[in-house]
Amino acid sequence: MAIHLYKTSIPSTRNGIVDSQVKSNPRNNLIYRQYHCGKGRNARGIITTGHRGGGHKRLYRKIDFRQNEKDIYGRIVTIEYDPNRNADICLIHYGDCEKRYILHPRGAIIGDTIVSSTEVPIKMGNALPLKSTSTDMPLGTAIHNIEITLGNGGQLARAGDVVAKLTAKQGKSATLKLPSGEVRFISKNYSATDGQVGNVERWLDKCLVVKGVAMNPVLHLHGGSEGRALIGRKKPTTPWGYPALGKISRKRNKYSDNLILHRRSK
């Protein structure tokens, strides 16, 4: 990856670093406008998501999570920044003149070729089922953009710098270790993309949040106190009175419970 260091000509460029390979030039047929409600409000104008608001206009890039251009080789033309996700994306020109965006695999450069098929070699950026007729994905393979419903495209391991690993195979199922630490079964017929998601040097978003005890009682149930007072309740709650900080919010008896071998790490 080509790193460009800014010269200190003005204060805003002091210690500035940018990836000169990542460009932003979205194609008109691969983007569309998206609408945002201001400051985390619902249709009634009530704030339902705190500490949100403002921001720049963003065009949504259509990402090909399915990668269903089967047996057609594509070439990476550009590597671009996507304001809607923390992973970079790359523009693919396929042999049938089709152009699509996919998640940028780590290490892929402009000019590399990728392909999606049931019979392709294990190569960074190639999409294939976990078990195919000719290619058997070995244990320990790093993968991303993993399907959990056949034909719906990748839904797991899509953020920047994340990777899942194939740890075991048994019968019609394979065992994956996900980035969260969860270990679960998945069908061998589901597809995944070989390699790790790019943008390893990304900064994790750390949003400044005002503590509830510092608010007034109209905005938060913890508020209304003076100085370093306690919250005045037995357990921490959300602004709407629901339990917070450690309460398990996952639905009981979910359909995928029997596929999870080890829960995610806290």
C-alpha atoms as a PDB file:
ATOM      1  CA  MET A   1       0.000   0.000   0.000  1.00  0.00           C
ATOM      2  CA  ALA A   2       1.383   3.406  -1.026  1.00  0.00           C
ATOM      3  CA  ILE A   3       1.469   5.870   1.882  1.00  0.00           C
ATOM      4  CA  HIS A   4       1.789   9.590   1.164  1.00  0.00           C
ATOM      5  CA  LEU A   5       3.125  11.910   3.881  1.00  0.00           C
ATOM      6  CA  TYR A   6       1.990  15.528   3.743  1.00  0.00           C
ATOM      7  CA  LYS A   7       4.458  18.386   4.059  1.00  0.00           C
ATOM      8  CA  THR A   8       3.706  20.768   6.907  1.00  0.00           C
ATOM      9  CA  SER A   9       2.634  23.716   4.773  1.00  0.00           C
ATOM     10  CA  ILE A  10      -0.418  24.545   6.883  1.00  0.00           C
ATOM     11  CA  PRO A  11      -1.444  23.394  10.397  1.00  0.00           C
ATOM     12  CA  SER A  12      -4.133  21.048   9.050  1.00  0.00           C
ATOM     13  CA  THR A  13      -1.576  18.973   7.107  1.00  0.00           C
ATOM     14  CA  ARG A  14       0.876  18.559   9.974  1.00  0.00           C
ATOM     15  CA  ASN A  15       1.562  14.834  10.548  1.00  0.00           C
ATOM     16  CA  GLY A  16      -1.014  14.041   7.852  1.00  0.00           C
ATOM     17  CA  ILE A  17      -0.940  10.589   6.243  1.00  0.00           C
ATOM     18  CA  VAL A  18      -3.092   9.345   3.369  1.00  0.00           C
ATOM     19  CA  ASP A  19      -3.168   6.197   1.265  1.00  0.00           C
ATOM     20  CA  SER A  20      -2.410   7.480  -2.233  1.00  0.00           C
ATOM     21  CA  GLN A  21      -3.731   4.263  -3.791  1.00  0.00           C
ATOM     22  CA  VAL A  22      -7.250   4.716  -2.464  1.00  0.00           C
ATOM     23  CA  LYS A  23      -9.242   6.972  -4.781  1.00  0.00           C
ATOM     24  CA  SER A  24     -12.847   8.110  -4.723  1.00  0.00           C
ATOM     25  CA  ASN A  25     -14.479   8.288  -8.142  1.00  0.00           C
ATOM     26  CA  PRO A  26     -17.829   6.467  -7.918  1.00  0.00           C
ATOM     27  CA  ARG A  27     -19.606   5.366 -11.095  1.00  0.00           C
ATOM     28  CA  ASN A  28     -23.028   6.879 -11.696  1.00  0.00           C
ATOM     29  CA  ASN A  29     -24.742   3.543 -12.320  1.00  0.00           C
ATOM     30  CA  LEU A  30     -23.325   2.081  -9.083  1.00  0.00           C
ATOM     31  CA  ILE A  31     -24.469   4.790  -6.676  1.00  0.00           C
ATOM     32  CA  TYR A  32     -27.751   6.227  -5.490  1.00  0.00           C
ATOM     33  CA  ARG A  33     -28.884   8.864  -3.060  1.00  0.00           C
ATOM     34  CA  GLN A  34     -29.772   7.963   0.491  1.00  0.00           C
ATOM     35  CA  TYR A  35     -31.834   9.989   2.905  1.00  0.00           C
ATOM     36  CA  HIS A  36     -30.936  10.537   6.558  1.00  0.00           C
ATOM     37  CA  CYS A  37     -33.210  11.687   9.318  1.00  0.00           C
ATOM     38  CA  GLY A  38     -31.563  14.477  11.261  1.00  0.00           C
ATOM     39  CA  LYS A  39     -30.144  13.951  14.734  1.00  0.00           C
ATOM     40  CA  GLY A  40     -31.361  10.368  15.211  1.00  0.00           C
ATOM     41  CA  ARG A  41     -35.073  11.199  15.214  1.00  0.00           C
ATOM     42  CA  ASN A  42     -38.016   9.025  14.229  1.00  0.00           C
ATOM     43  CA  ALA A  43     -41.039   9.944  12.100  1.00  0.00           C
ATOM     44  CA  ARG A  44     -42.569  11.837  15.052  1.00  0.00           C
ATOM     45  CA  GLY A  45     -39.472  13.981  15.502  1.00  0.00           C
ATOM     46  CA  ILE A  46     -38.479  12.293  18.773  1.00  0.00           C
ATOM     47  CA  ILE A  47     -34.808  11.451  19.363  1.00  0.00           C
ATOM     48  CA  THR A  48     -34.571   7.647  19.377  1.00  0.00           C
ATOM     49  CA  THR A  49     -30.804   7.344  18.835  1.00  0.00           C
ATOM     50  CA  GLY A  50     -28.693   9.554  21.034  1.00  0.00           C
ATOM     51  CA  HIS A  51     -25.470  11.347  20.158  1.00  0.00           C
ATOM     52  CA  ARG A  52     -26.135  11.388  16.414  1.00  0.00           C
ATOM     53  CA  GLY A  53     -26.600  14.206  13.972  1.00  0.00           C
ATOM     54  CA  GLY A  54     -24.995  16.346  11.324  1.00  0.00           C
ATOM     55  CA  GLY A  55     -22.455  14.833   8.985  1.00  0.00           C
ATOM     56  CA  HIS A  56     -21.759  15.215   5.292  1.00  0.00           C
ATOM     57  CA  LYS A  57     -23.975  14.047   2.446  1.00  0.00           C
ATOM     58  CA  ARG A  58     -23.132  10.515   1.364  1.00  0.00           C
ATOM     59  CA  LEU A  59     -23.916   8.591  -1.803  1.00  0.00           C
ATOM     60  CA  TYR A  60     -24.469   4.880  -1.296  1.00  0.00           C
ATOM     61  CA  ARG A  61     -22.245   2.562  -3.317  1.00  0.00           C
ATOM     62  CA  LYS A  62     -23.902  -0.651  -4.496  1.00  0.00           C
ATOM     63  CA  ILE A  63     -21.668  -3.455  -3.254  1.00  0.00           C
ATOM     64  CA  ASP A  64     -21.835  -6.877  -4.928  1.00  0.00           C
ATOM     65  CA  PHE A  65     -21.934  -9.105  -1.849  1.00  0.00           C
ATOM     66  CA  ARG A  66     -23.277 -12.022  -3.912  1.00  0.00           C
ATOM     67  CA  GLN A  67     -20.446 -11.985  -6.472  1.00  0.00           C
ATOM     68  CA  ASN A  68     -22.685 -13.959  -8.817  1.00  0.00           C
ATOM     69  CA  GLU A  69     -20.729 -13.272 -11.999  1.00  0.00           C
ATOM     70  CA  LYS A  70     -19.872 -16.954 -12.262  1.00  0.00           C
ATOM     71  CA  ASP A  71     -16.857 -18.217 -14.227  1.00  0.00           C
ATOM     72  CA  ILE A  72     -16.104 -14.718 -15.558  1.00  0.00           C
ATOM     73  CA  TYR A  73     -12.758 -13.211 -14.679  1.00  0.00           C
ATOM     74  CA  GLY A  74     -12.667  -9.641 -13.443  1.00  0.00           C
ATOM     75  CA  ARG A  75      -9.855  -7.125 -13.061  1.00  0.00           C
ATOM     76  CA  ILE A  76      -9.407  -4.654 -10.203  1.00  0.00           C
ATOM     77  CA  VAL A  77      -9.432  -1.192 -11.785  1.00  0.00           C
ATOM     78  CA  THR A  78      -9.609   1.158  -8.793  1.00  0.00           C
ATOM     79  CA  ILE A  79      -9.448   0.994  -5.017  1.00  0.00           C
ATOM     80  CA  GLU A  80     -11.792   3.570  -3.511  1.00  0.00           C
ATOM     81  CA  TYR A  81     -12.939   4.976  -0.204  1.00  0.00           C
ATOM     82  CA  ASP A  82     -16.520   4.256   0.837  1.00  0.00           C
ATOM     83  CA  PRO A  83     -18.037   6.731   3.329  1.00  0.00           C
ATOM     84  CA  ASN A  84     -20.730   4.216   4.313  1.00  0.00           C
ATOM     85  CA  ARG A  85     -18.401   1.533   5.727  1.00  0.00           C
ATOM     86  CA  ASN A  86     -15.003   1.190   7.383  1.00  0.00           C
ATOM     87  CA  ALA A  87     -13.658  -1.072   4.613  1.00  0.00           C
ATOM     88  CA  ASP A  88     -12.355   0.108   1.270  1.00  0.00           C
ATOM     89  CA  ILE A  89     -14.026  -1.067  -1.934  1.00  0.00           C
ATOM     90  CA  CYS A  90     -12.623  -1.844  -5.362  1.00  0.00           C
ATOM     91  CA  LEU A  91     -14.169  -1.541  -8.800  1.00  0.00           C
ATOM     92  CA  ILE A  92     -14.146  -4.730 -10.873  1.00  0.00           C
ATOM     93  CA  HIS A  93     -14.313  -4.818 -14.674  1.00  0.00           C
ATOM     94  CA  TYR A  94     -15.541  -8.257 -15.756  1.00  0.00           C
ATOM     95  CA  GLY A  95     -14.932  -9.897 -19.100  1.00  0.00           C
ATOM     96  CA  ASP A  96     -18.569  -9.414 -20.156  1.00  0.00           C
ATOM     97  CA  CYS A  97     -18.233  -5.598 -19.715  1.00  0.00           C
ATOM     98  CA  GLU A  98     -20.043  -5.706 -16.358  1.00  0.00           C
ATOM     99  CA  LYS A  99     -18.758  -3.314 -13.666  1.00  0.00           C
ATOM    100  CA  ARG A 100     -19.324  -3.913  -9.958  1.00  0.00           C
ATOM    101  CA  TYR A 101     -18.001  -2.914  -6.554  1.00  0.00           C
ATOM    102  CA  ILE A 102     -16.761  -5.528  -4.084  1.00  0.00           C
ATOM    103  CA  LEU A 103     -15.041  -5.314  -0.705  1.00  0.00           C
ATOM    104  CA  HIS A 104     -11.331  -4.779  -1.091  1.00  0.00           C
ATOM    105  CA  PRO A 105      -9.367  -7.877  -0.005  1.00  0.00           C
ATOM    106  CA  ARG A 106      -6.226  -7.155   1.964  1.00  0.00           C
ATOM    107  CA  GLY A 107      -3.162  -7.198  -0.258  1.00  0.00           C
ATOM    108  CA  ALA A 108      -5.053  -6.923  -3.546  1.00  0.00           C
ATOM    109  CA  ILE A 109      -3.660  -4.277  -5.897  1.00  0.00           C
ATOM    110  CA  ILE A 110      -4.839  -2.646  -9.095  1.00  0.00           C
ATOM    111  CA  GLY A 111      -4.502  -5.071 -11.992  1.00  0.00           C
ATOM    112  CA  ASP A 112      -5.152  -8.265 -10.018  1.00  0.00           C
ATOM    113  CA  THR A 113      -7.794 -10.660 -11.358  1.00  0.00           C
ATOM    114  CA  ILE A 114     -10.540 -12.407  -9.404  1.00  0.00           C
ATOM    115  CA  VAL A 115     -13.231 -14.911 -10.267  1.00  0.00           C
ATOM    116  CA  SER A 116     -16.301 -16.415  -8.628  1.00  0.00           C
ATOM    117  CA  SER A 117     -17.100 -20.062  -9.335  1.00  0.00           C
ATOM    118  CA  THR A 118     -17.500 -23.504  -7.813  1.00  0.00           C
ATOM    119  CA  GLU A 119     -14.223 -24.648  -9.364  1.00  0.00           C
ATOM    120  CA  VAL A 120     -11.569 -21.978  -8.759  1.00  0.00           C
ATOM    121  CA  PRO A 121      -8.192 -22.063  -7.008  1.00  0.00           C
ATOM    122  CA  ILE A 122      -7.780 -20.801  -3.458  1.00  0.00           C
ATOM    123  CA  LYS A 123      -6.641 -17.259  -4.171  1.00  0.00           C
ATOM    124  CA  MET A 124      -7.129 -13.918  -2.449  1.00  0.00           C
ATOM    125  CA  GLY A 125     -10.355 -12.308  -3.672  1.00  0.00           C
ATOM    126  CA  ASN A 126     -11.838 -15.425  -5.287  1.00  0.00           C
ATOM    127  CA  ALA A 127     -15.346 -16.392  -4.160  1.00  0.00           C
ATOM    128  CA  LEU A 128     -16.232 -20.070  -3.912  1.00  0.00           C
ATOM    129  CA  PRO A 129     -18.265 -22.485  -1.770  1.00  0.00           C
ATOM    130  CA  LEU A 130     -16.631 -23.939   1.327  1.00  0.00           C
ATOM    131  CA  LYS A 131     -16.871 -27.337  -0.355  1.00  0.00           C
ATOM    132  CA  SER A 132     -16.838 -27.655  -4.139  1.00  0.00           C
ATOM    133  CA  THR A 133     -16.451 -30.522  -6.562  1.00  0.00           C
ATOM    134  CA  SER A 134     -12.816 -29.919  -7.453  1.00  0.00           C
ATOM    135  CA  THR A 135     -11.470 -27.454  -4.864  1.00  0.00           C
ATOM    136  CA  ASP A 136     -11.541 -28.346  -1.190  1.00  0.00           C
ATOM    137  CA  MET A 137     -10.885 -25.305   0.982  1.00  0.00           C
ATOM    138  CA  PRO A 138      -8.224 -26.372   3.531  1.00  0.00           C
ATOM    139  CA  LEU A 139      -8.639 -25.926   7.258  1.00  0.00           C
ATOM    140  CA  GLY A 140      -7.288 -22.666   8.624  1.00  0.00           C
ATOM    141  CA  THR A 141      -8.176 -20.690   5.495  1.00  0.00           C
ATOM    142  CA  ALA A 142      -8.862 -17.011   6.126  1.00  0.00           C
ATOM    143  CA  ILE A 143     -12.182 -15.939   4.596  1.00  0.00           C
ATOM    144  CA  HIS A 144     -14.643 -13.030   4.661  1.00  0.00           C
ATOM    145  CA  ASN A 145     -18.005 -12.020   3.158  1.00  0.00           C
ATOM    146  CA  ILE A 146     -19.613 -15.309   4.237  1.00  0.00           C
ATOM    147  CA  GLU A 147     -23.130 -16.403   3.309  1.00  0.00           C
ATOM    148  CA  ILE A 148     -25.553 -17.573   5.981  1.00  0.00           C
ATOM    149  CA  THR A 149     -28.535 -17.907   3.620  1.00  0.00           C
ATOM    150  CA  LEU A 150     -27.997 -19.518   0.230  1.00  0.00           C
ATOM    151  CA  GLY A 151     -28.187 -16.928  -2.540  1.00  0.00           C
ATOM    152  CA  ASN A 152     -28.459 -13.865  -0.291  1.00  0.00           C
ATOM    153  CA  GLY A 153     -24.796 -12.969  -0.539  1.00  0.00           C
ATOM    154  CA  GLY A 154     -22.230 -12.437   2.170  1.00  0.00           C
ATOM    155  CA  GLN A 155     -23.517 -11.285   5.561  1.00  0.00           C
ATOM    156  CA  LEU A 156     -20.694 -12.197   7.969  1.00  0.00           C
ATOM    157  CA  ALA A 157     -17.169 -10.743   8.306  1.00  0.00           C
ATOM    158  CA  ARG A 158     -17.594  -7.673   6.116  1.00  0.00           C
ATOM    159  CA  ALA A 159     -16.053  -4.870   8.212  1.00  0.00           C
ATOM    160  CA  GLY A 160     -12.579  -3.504   7.644  1.00  0.00           C
ATOM    161  CA  ASP A 161      -9.646  -5.604   8.919  1.00  0.00           C
ATOM    162  CA  VAL A 162     -11.845  -8.567   9.965  1.00  0.00           C
ATOM    163  CA  VAL A 163     -11.317 -12.188   9.043  1.00  0.00           C
ATOM    164  CA  ALA A 164     -12.959 -15.512   9.841  1.00  0.00           C
ATOM    165  CA  LYS A 165     -11.255 -18.893   9.849  1.00  0.00           C
ATOM    166  CA  LEU A 166     -12.386 -22.311   8.703  1.00  0.00           C
ATOM    167  CA  THR A 167     -11.586 -24.598  11.646  1.00  0.00           C
ATOM    168  CA  ALA A 168     -13.300 -27.934  10.932  1.00  0.00           C
ATOM    169  CA  LYS A 169     -15.465 -29.897   8.506  1.00  0.00           C
ATOM    170  CA  GLN A 170     -17.895 -32.671   9.284  1.00  0.00           C
ATOM    171  CA  GLY A 171     -20.599 -34.095   7.051  1.00  0.00           C
ATOM    172  CA  LYS A 172     -22.506 -31.330   5.288  1.00  0.00           C
ATOM    173  CA  SER A 173     -21.392 -28.627   7.728  1.00  0.00           C
ATOM    174  CA  ALA A 174     -18.252 -26.625   8.365  1.00  0.00           C
ATOM    175  CA  THR A 175     -17.159 -24.884  11.554  1.00  0.00           C
ATOM    176  CA  LEU A 176     -16.118 -21.246  11.446  1.00  0.00           C
ATOM    177  CA  LYS A 177     -14.497 -19.014  14.023  1.00  0.00           C
ATOM    178  CA  LEU A 178     -15.883 -15.508  13.503  1.00  0.00           C
ATOM    179  CA  PRO A 179     -14.113 -12.225  14.352  1.00  0.00           C
ATOM    180  CA  SER A 180     -16.292 -11.788  17.458  1.00  0.00           C
ATOM    181  CA  GLY A 181     -14.985 -15.065  18.899  1.00  0.00           C
ATOM    182  CA  GLU A 182     -18.178 -16.968  18.134  1.00  0.00           C
ATOM    183  CA  VAL A 183     -17.779 -20.499  16.798  1.00  0.00           C
ATOM    184  CA  ARG A 184     -20.669 -21.762  14.707  1.00  0.00           C
ATOM    185  CA  PHE A 185     -21.759 -24.311  12.106  1.00  0.00           C
ATOM    186  CA  ILE A 186     -22.419 -23.313   8.520  1.00  0.00           C
ATOM    187  CA  SER A 187     -23.362 -25.310   5.437  1.00  0.00           C
ATOM    188  CA  LYS A 188     -20.562 -26.255   3.059  1.00  0.00           C
ATOM    189  CA  ASN A 189     -22.706 -25.074   0.154  1.00  0.00           C
ATOM    190  CA  TYR A 190     -22.480 -21.450   1.282  1.00  0.00           C
ATOM    191  CA  SER A 191     -19.962 -19.220  -0.451  1.00  0.00           C
ATOM    192  CA  ALA A 192     -17.200 -17.083   1.000  1.00  0.00           C
ATOM    193  CA  THR A 193     -14.420 -14.888  -0.321  1.00  0.00           C
ATOM    194  CA  ASP A 194     -10.843 -15.916   0.277  1.00  0.00           C
ATOM    195  CA  GLY A 195      -8.624 -13.567   2.266  1.00  0.00           C
ATOM    196  CA  GLN A 196      -9.036 -10.778   4.814  1.00  0.00           C
ATOM    197  CA  VAL A 197     -10.932  -7.526   4.391  1.00  0.00           C
ATOM    198  CA  GLY A 198      -8.605  -4.625   3.661  1.00  0.00           C
ATOM    199  CA  ASN A 199      -8.106  -1.269   5.368  1.00  0.00           C
ATOM    200  CA  VAL A 200      -6.106  -2.742   8.238  1.00  0.00           C
ATOM    201  CA  GLU A 201      -4.867   0.701   9.348  1.00  0.00           C
ATOM    202  CA  ARG A 202      -8.388   1.996   9.944  1.00  0.00           C
ATOM    203  CA  TRP A 203      -9.179   4.014  13.034  1.00  0.00           C
ATOM    204  CA  LEU A 204     -11.848   2.629  15.298  1.00  0.00           C
ATOM    205  CA  ASP A 205     -14.718   5.066  15.748  1.00  0.00           C
ATOM    206  CA  LYS A 206     -14.731   6.467  19.267  1.00  0.00           C
ATOM    207  CA  CYS A 207     -17.725   8.728  19.721  1.00  0.00           C
ATOM    208  CA  LEU A 208     -17.791  11.083  22.694  1.00  0.00           C
ATOM    209  CA  VAL A 209     -20.858  10.339  24.810  1.00  0.00           C
ATOM    210  CA  VAL A 210     -22.232  12.434  27.651  1.00  0.00           C
ATOM    211  CA  LYS A 211     -22.831  10.396  30.808  1.00  0.00           C
ATOM    212  CA  GLY A 212     -26.407  10.061  31.973  1.00  0.00           C
ATOM    213  CA  VAL A 213     -25.598  11.439  35.429  1.00  0.00           C
ATOM    214  CA  ALA A 214     -24.448  14.686  33.783  1.00  0.00           C
ATOM    215  CA  MET A 215     -27.823  15.215  32.059  1.00  0.00           C
ATOM    216  CA  ASN A 216     -30.993  16.696  33.437  1.00  0.00           C
ATOM    217  CA  PRO A 217     -33.774  14.291  34.495  1.00  0.00           C
ATOM    218  CA  VAL A 218     -35.861  15.082  31.404  1.00  0.00           C
ATOM    219  CA  LEU A 219     -33.229  13.547  29.082  1.00  0.00           C
ATOM    220  CA  HIS A 220     -32.019  10.614  31.186  1.00  0.00           C
ATOM    221  CA  LEU A 221     -33.200   8.635  34.205  1.00  0.00           C
ATOM    222  CA  HIS A 222     -29.734   8.926  35.775  1.00  0.00           C
ATOM    223  CA  GLY A 223     -29.742  12.715  35.579  1.00  0.00           C
ATOM    224  CA  GLY A 224     -30.754  15.498  37.906  1.00  0.00           C
ATOM    225  CA  SER A 225     -28.077  15.035  40.555  1.00  0.00           C
ATOM    226  CA  GLU A 226     -25.461  17.426  41.894  1.00  0.00           C
ATOM    227  CA  GLY A 227     -21.747  16.751  41.550  1.00  0.00           C
ATOM    228  CA  ARG A 228     -20.532  13.156  41.793  1.00  0.00           C
ATOM    229  CA  ALA A 229     -23.826  11.665  42.904  1.00  0.00           C
ATOM    230  CA  LEU A 230     -24.910   8.095  42.147  1.00  0.00           C
ATOM    231  CA  ILE A 231     -27.546   7.189  39.592  1.00  0.00           C
ATOM    232  CA  GLY A 232     -30.229   6.761  42.264  1.00  0.00           C
ATOM    233  CA  ARG A 233     -31.327   3.317  41.020  1.00  0.00           C
ATOM    234  CA  LYS A 234     -30.478  -0.295  41.777  1.00  0.00           C
ATOM    235  CA  LYS A 235     -29.218  -0.966  38.231  1.00  0.00           C
ATOM    236  CA  PRO A 236     -28.186   1.203  35.282  1.00  0.00           C
ATOM    237  CA  THR A 237     -30.922   1.855  32.754  1.00  0.00           C
ATOM    238  CA  THR A 238     -31.349   3.396  29.326  1.00  0.00           C
ATOM    239  CA  PRO A 239     -33.116   6.741  28.908  1.00  0.00           C
ATOM    240  CA  TRP A 240     -36.317   4.753  28.389  1.00  0.00           C
ATOM    241  CA  GLY A 241     -36.006   2.614  31.523  1.00  0.00           C
ATOM    242  CA  TYR A 242     -34.709  -0.635  30.015  1.00  0.00           C
ATOM    243  CA  PRO A 243     -31.770  -2.444  31.679  1.00  0.00           C
ATOM    244  CA  ALA A 244     -28.329  -1.420  30.400  1.00  0.00           C
ATOM    245  CA  LEU A 245     -24.698  -2.552  30.731  1.00  0.00           C
ATOM    246  CA  GLY A 246     -24.696  -6.336  30.511  1.00  0.00           C
ATOM    247  CA  LYS A 247     -28.319  -7.191  29.805  1.00  0.00           C
ATOM    248  CA  ILE A 248     -28.516  -9.869  27.109  1.00  0.00           C
ATOM    249  CA  SER A 249     -30.664  -8.552  24.286  1.00  0.00           C
ATOM    250  CA  ARG A 250     -30.460 -11.584  21.989  1.00  0.00           C
ATOM    251  CA  LYS A 251     -33.810 -13.196  21.292  1.00  0.00           C
ATOM    252  CA  ARG A 252     -34.456 -16.453  23.158  1.00  0.00           C
ATOM    253  CA  ASN A 253     -34.949 -19.640  21.143  1.00  0.00           C
ATOM    254  CA  LYS A 254     -33.625 -18.035  17.988  1.00  0.00           C
ATOM    255  CA  TYR A 255     -33.560 -20.233  14.902  1.00  0.00           C
ATOM    256  CA  SER A 256     -29.740 -20.241  14.747  1.00  0.00           C
ATOM    257  CA  ASP A 257     -29.110 -21.175  18.400  1.00  0.00           C
ATOM    258  CA  ASN A 258     -28.439 -24.800  17.543  1.00  0.00           C
ATOM    259  CA  LEU A 259     -25.748 -23.745  15.046  1.00  0.00           C
ATOM    260  CA  ILE A 260     -23.654 -21.869  17.624  1.00  0.00           C
ATOM    261  CA  LEU A 261     -21.010 -23.951  19.390  1.00  0.00           C
ATOM    262  CA  HIS A 262     -19.429 -21.142  21.417  1.00  0.00           C
ATOM    263  CA  ARG A 263     -20.905 -17.740  22.144  1.00  0.00           C
ATOM    264  CA  ARG A 264     -19.135 -14.566  21.198  1.00  0.00           C
ATOM    265  CA  SER A 265     -16.728 -13.044  23.666  1.00  0.00           C
ATOM    266  CA  LYS A 266     -18.106 -10.209  25.785  1.00  0.00           C
END
